[in-house]
C-alpha atoms as a PDB file:
ATOM      1  CA  MET A   1      56.893 -88.032 -26.208  1.00  0.00           C
ATOM      2  CA  ALA A   2      58.515 -91.463 -24.764  1.00  0.00           C
ATOM      3  CA  GLY A   3      59.721 -93.845 -27.595  1.00  0.00           C
ATOM      4  CA  GLN A   4      59.085 -91.468 -30.214  1.00  0.00           C
ATOM      5  CA  ARG A   5      61.632 -91.954 -32.937  1.00  0.00           C
ATOM      6  CA  ARG A   6      63.693 -89.184 -34.296  1.00  0.00           C
ATOM      7  CA  TYR A   7      63.781 -90.354 -38.201  1.00  0.00           C
ATOM      8  CA  GLU A   8      60.846 -91.751 -40.057  1.00  0.00           C
ATOM      9  CA  ARG A   9      61.282 -95.289 -40.837  1.00  0.00           C
ATOM     10  CA  MET A  10      60.548 -96.687 -44.007  1.00  0.00           C
ATOM     11  CA  ALA A  11      59.849-100.345 -45.488  1.00  0.00           C
ATOM     12  CA  PHE A  12      63.320-101.432 -46.860  1.00  0.00           C
ATOM     13  CA  PHE A  13      64.449-105.011 -47.676  1.00  0.00           C
ATOM     14  CA  CYS A  14      68.116-105.884 -48.209  1.00  0.00           C
ATOM     15  CA  PRO A  15      70.631-108.660 -47.180  1.00  0.00           C
ATOM     16  CA  VAL A  16      72.959-107.789 -44.657  1.00  0.00           C
ATOM     17  CA  GLN A  17      75.998-108.923 -42.759  1.00  0.00           C
ATOM     18  CA  LEU A  18      75.949-107.990 -39.289  1.00  0.00           C
ATOM     19  CA  THR A  19      79.350-108.442 -37.289  1.00  0.00           C
ATOM     20  CA  VAL A  20      79.270-107.954 -33.530  1.00  0.00           C
ATOM     21  CA  LEU A  21      82.306-105.725 -32.625  1.00  0.00           C
ATOM     22  CA  PRO A  22      85.115-105.734 -31.773  1.00  0.00           C
ATOM     23  CA  ASP A  23      86.064-109.052 -33.543  1.00  0.00           C
ATOM     24  CA  GLY A  24      83.483-111.535 -34.553  1.00  0.00           C
ATOM     25  CA  PRO A  25      80.895-113.433 -35.183  1.00  0.00           C
ATOM     26  CA  THR A  26      79.422-112.330 -38.307  1.00  0.00           C
ATOM     27  CA  VAL A  27      75.808-113.662 -39.036  1.00  0.00           C
ATOM     28  CA  PRO A  28      73.827-113.140 -42.309  1.00  0.00           C
ATOM     29  CA  ALA A  29      70.373-111.398 -41.724  1.00  0.00           C
ATOM     30  CA  TYR A  30      67.954-109.452 -43.633  1.00  0.00           C
ATOM     31  CA  SER A  31      66.457-105.467 -43.089  1.00  0.00           C
ATOM     32  CA  PHE A  32      63.089-104.831 -43.021  1.00  0.00           C
ATOM     33  CA  ASP A  33      63.016-100.977 -42.309  1.00  0.00           C
ATOM     34  CA  ILE A  34      65.310 -98.268 -42.062  1.00  0.00           C
ATOM     35  CA  SER A  35      65.883 -94.876 -41.296  1.00  0.00           C
ATOM     36  CA  ALA A  36      68.809 -92.354 -41.478  1.00  0.00           C
ATOM     37  CA  GLY A  37      69.204 -93.166 -37.611  1.00  0.00           C
ATOM     38  CA  GLY A  38      68.675 -96.832 -37.435  1.00  0.00           C
ATOM     39  CA  VAL A  39      67.461-100.103 -39.132  1.00  0.00           C
ATOM     40  CA  GLY A  40      65.201-102.994 -38.425  1.00  0.00           C
ATOM     41  CA  LEU A  41      66.947-106.593 -38.920  1.00  0.00           C
ATOM     42  CA  THR A  42      65.700-110.269 -39.093  1.00  0.00           C
ATOM     43  CA  THR A  43      68.314-113.041 -38.167  1.00  0.00           C
ATOM     44  CA  THR A  44      68.064-116.986 -36.663  1.00  0.00           C
ATOM     45  CA  ALA A  45      71.335-115.639 -34.884  1.00  0.00           C
ATOM     46  CA  SER A  46      71.199-114.734 -31.178  1.00  0.00           C
ATOM     47  CA  MET A  47      71.928-111.178 -29.928  1.00  0.00           C
ATOM     48  CA  GLU A  48      72.690-109.052 -27.323  1.00  0.00           C
ATOM     49  CA  ARG A  49      71.163-105.855 -26.562  1.00  0.00           C
ATOM     50  CA  GLY A  50      73.726-103.004 -26.316  1.00  0.00           C
ATOM     51  CA  LYS A  51      76.458-104.867 -28.449  1.00  0.00           C
ATOM     52  CA  ASP A  52      78.041-102.652 -30.906  1.00  0.00           C
ATOM     53  CA  VAL A  53      77.871-103.622 -34.329  1.00  0.00           C
ATOM     54  CA  ARG A  54      78.633-103.110 -37.961  1.00  0.00           C
ATOM     55  CA  VAL A  55      76.058-103.731 -40.633  1.00  0.00           C
ATOM     56  CA  ASP A  56      77.151-104.076 -44.164  1.00  0.00           C
ATOM     57  CA  PHE A  57      73.984-103.353 -47.009  1.00  0.00           C
ATOM     58  CA  HIS A  58      74.540-105.406 -49.841  1.00  0.00           C
ATOM     59  CA  VAL A  59      73.228-102.838 -52.180  1.00  0.00           C
ATOM     60  CA  LYS A  60      73.130-102.239 -56.099  1.00  0.00           C
ATOM     61  CA  ASN A  61      74.809 -99.165 -57.434  1.00  0.00           C
ATOM     62  CA  GLY A  62      73.941 -97.100 -60.344  1.00  0.00           C
ATOM     63  CA  SER A  63      75.498 -99.709 -62.568  1.00  0.00           C
ATOM     64  CA  HIS A  64      73.001-102.476 -60.877  1.00  0.00           C
ATOM     65  CA  GLU A  65      76.446-103.986 -59.515  1.00  0.00           C
ATOM     66  CA  GLU A  66      76.039-105.102 -56.022  1.00  0.00           C
ATOM     67  CA  CYS A  67      78.076-102.960 -53.560  1.00  0.00           C
ATOM     68  CA  VAL A  68      78.656-103.479 -49.689  1.00  0.00           C
ATOM     69  CA  GLU A  69      78.380 -99.949 -47.508  1.00  0.00           C
ATOM     70  CA  SER A  70      78.851-100.336 -44.047  1.00  0.00           C
ATOM     71  CA  VAL A  71      77.208 -98.493 -41.019  1.00  0.00           C
ATOM     72  CA  LEU A  72      78.574 -98.914 -37.124  1.00  0.00           C
ATOM     73  CA  GLY A  73      75.513 -99.412 -34.557  1.00  0.00           C
ATOM     74  CA  ARG A  74      74.159-100.502 -31.583  1.00  0.00           C
ATOM     75  CA  ILE A  75      71.504-103.367 -30.761  1.00  0.00           C
ATOM     76  CA  ALA A  76      69.068-101.181 -29.131  1.00  0.00           C
ATOM     77  CA  TYR A  77      66.163-103.531 -29.377  1.00  0.00           C
ATOM     78  CA  LEU A  78      65.610-107.463 -29.537  1.00  0.00           C
ATOM     79  CA  ARG A  79      62.646-109.411 -29.589  1.00  0.00           C
ATOM     80  CA  ALA A  80      63.044-113.649 -30.303  1.00  0.00           C
ATOM     81  CA  ASP A  81      59.788-115.201 -32.044  1.00  0.00           C
ATOM     82  CA  GLU A  82      59.673-118.664 -33.452  1.00  0.00           C
ATOM     83  CA  ASP A  83      60.701-117.359 -36.625  1.00  0.00           C
ATOM     84  CA  GLY A  84      63.756-115.799 -35.644  1.00  0.00           C
ATOM     85  CA  ASN A  85      65.007-112.600 -33.924  1.00  0.00           C
ATOM     86  CA  ARG A  86      63.822-108.963 -34.632  1.00  0.00           C
ATOM     87  CA  ILE A  87      66.533-106.867 -33.649  1.00  0.00           C
ATOM     88  CA  GLY A  88      66.472-102.835 -34.057  1.00  0.00           C
ATOM     89  CA  ILE A  89      69.852-101.047 -34.761  1.00  0.00           C
ATOM     90  CA  GLU A  90      70.718 -97.497 -33.411  1.00  0.00           C
ATOM     91  CA  PHE A  91      73.208 -96.009 -36.123  1.00  0.00           C
ATOM     92  CA  LEU A  92      76.069 -94.337 -34.155  1.00  0.00           C
ATOM     93  CA  GLU A  93      75.988 -91.754 -37.181  1.00  0.00           C
ATOM     94  CA  THR A  94      73.355 -91.089 -39.466  1.00  0.00           C
ATOM     95  CA  ILE A  95      73.608 -92.315 -42.974  1.00  0.00           C
ATOM     96  CA  ARG A  96      75.690 -89.628 -44.923  1.00  0.00           C
ATOM     97  CA  GLU A  97      75.951 -89.362 -48.813  1.00  0.00           C
ATOM     98  CA  SER A  98      79.988 -89.154 -48.312  1.00  0.00           C
ATOM     99  CA  ALA A  99      80.255 -92.225 -46.476  1.00  0.00           C
ATOM    100  CA  GLN A 100      77.190 -94.577 -47.830  1.00  0.00           C
ATOM    101  CA  PRO A 101      76.399 -92.966 -51.176  1.00  0.00           C
ATOM    102  CA  GLY A 102      74.399 -96.301 -52.431  1.00  0.00           C
ATOM    103  CA  LEU A 103      72.471 -96.250 -49.381  1.00  0.00           C
ATOM    104  CA  THR A 104      71.701 -92.870 -49.504  1.00  0.00           C
ATOM    105  CA  LYS A 105      70.480 -93.031 -53.057  1.00  0.00           C
ATOM    106  CA  LYS A 106      68.285 -96.089 -52.218  1.00  0.00           C
ATOM    107  CA  LEU A 107      66.667 -93.867 -49.062  1.00  0.00           C
ATOM    108  CA  ASP A 108      66.250 -91.013 -51.367  1.00  0.00           C
ATOM    109  CA  MET A 109      64.036 -93.269 -53.698  1.00  0.00           C
ATOM    110  CA  LEU A 110      61.611 -94.478 -50.856  1.00  0.00           C
END
């Protein structure tokens, strides 16, 4: 079936920094949903579909301290509206506990 997702998405609200690769710019954004294969973001910045990006998630670890975990992805979807831009990021690799332990733990709790 066309358009069917490989991974189930869950609501996930988290501040992120989105960096267009290879060298800039970095803009603030917020996640609104996530799966092992991608994340939905909102931002006021304009982006271009197909660009590779690094998403830096600001999550709390087990000690309730903020840590930053990065995931590489590609902008797969973009829709602008009056409140900003909704962006769909397809991760280039699925989230793994060895690389993103805090993010994995948050996903397991959802």
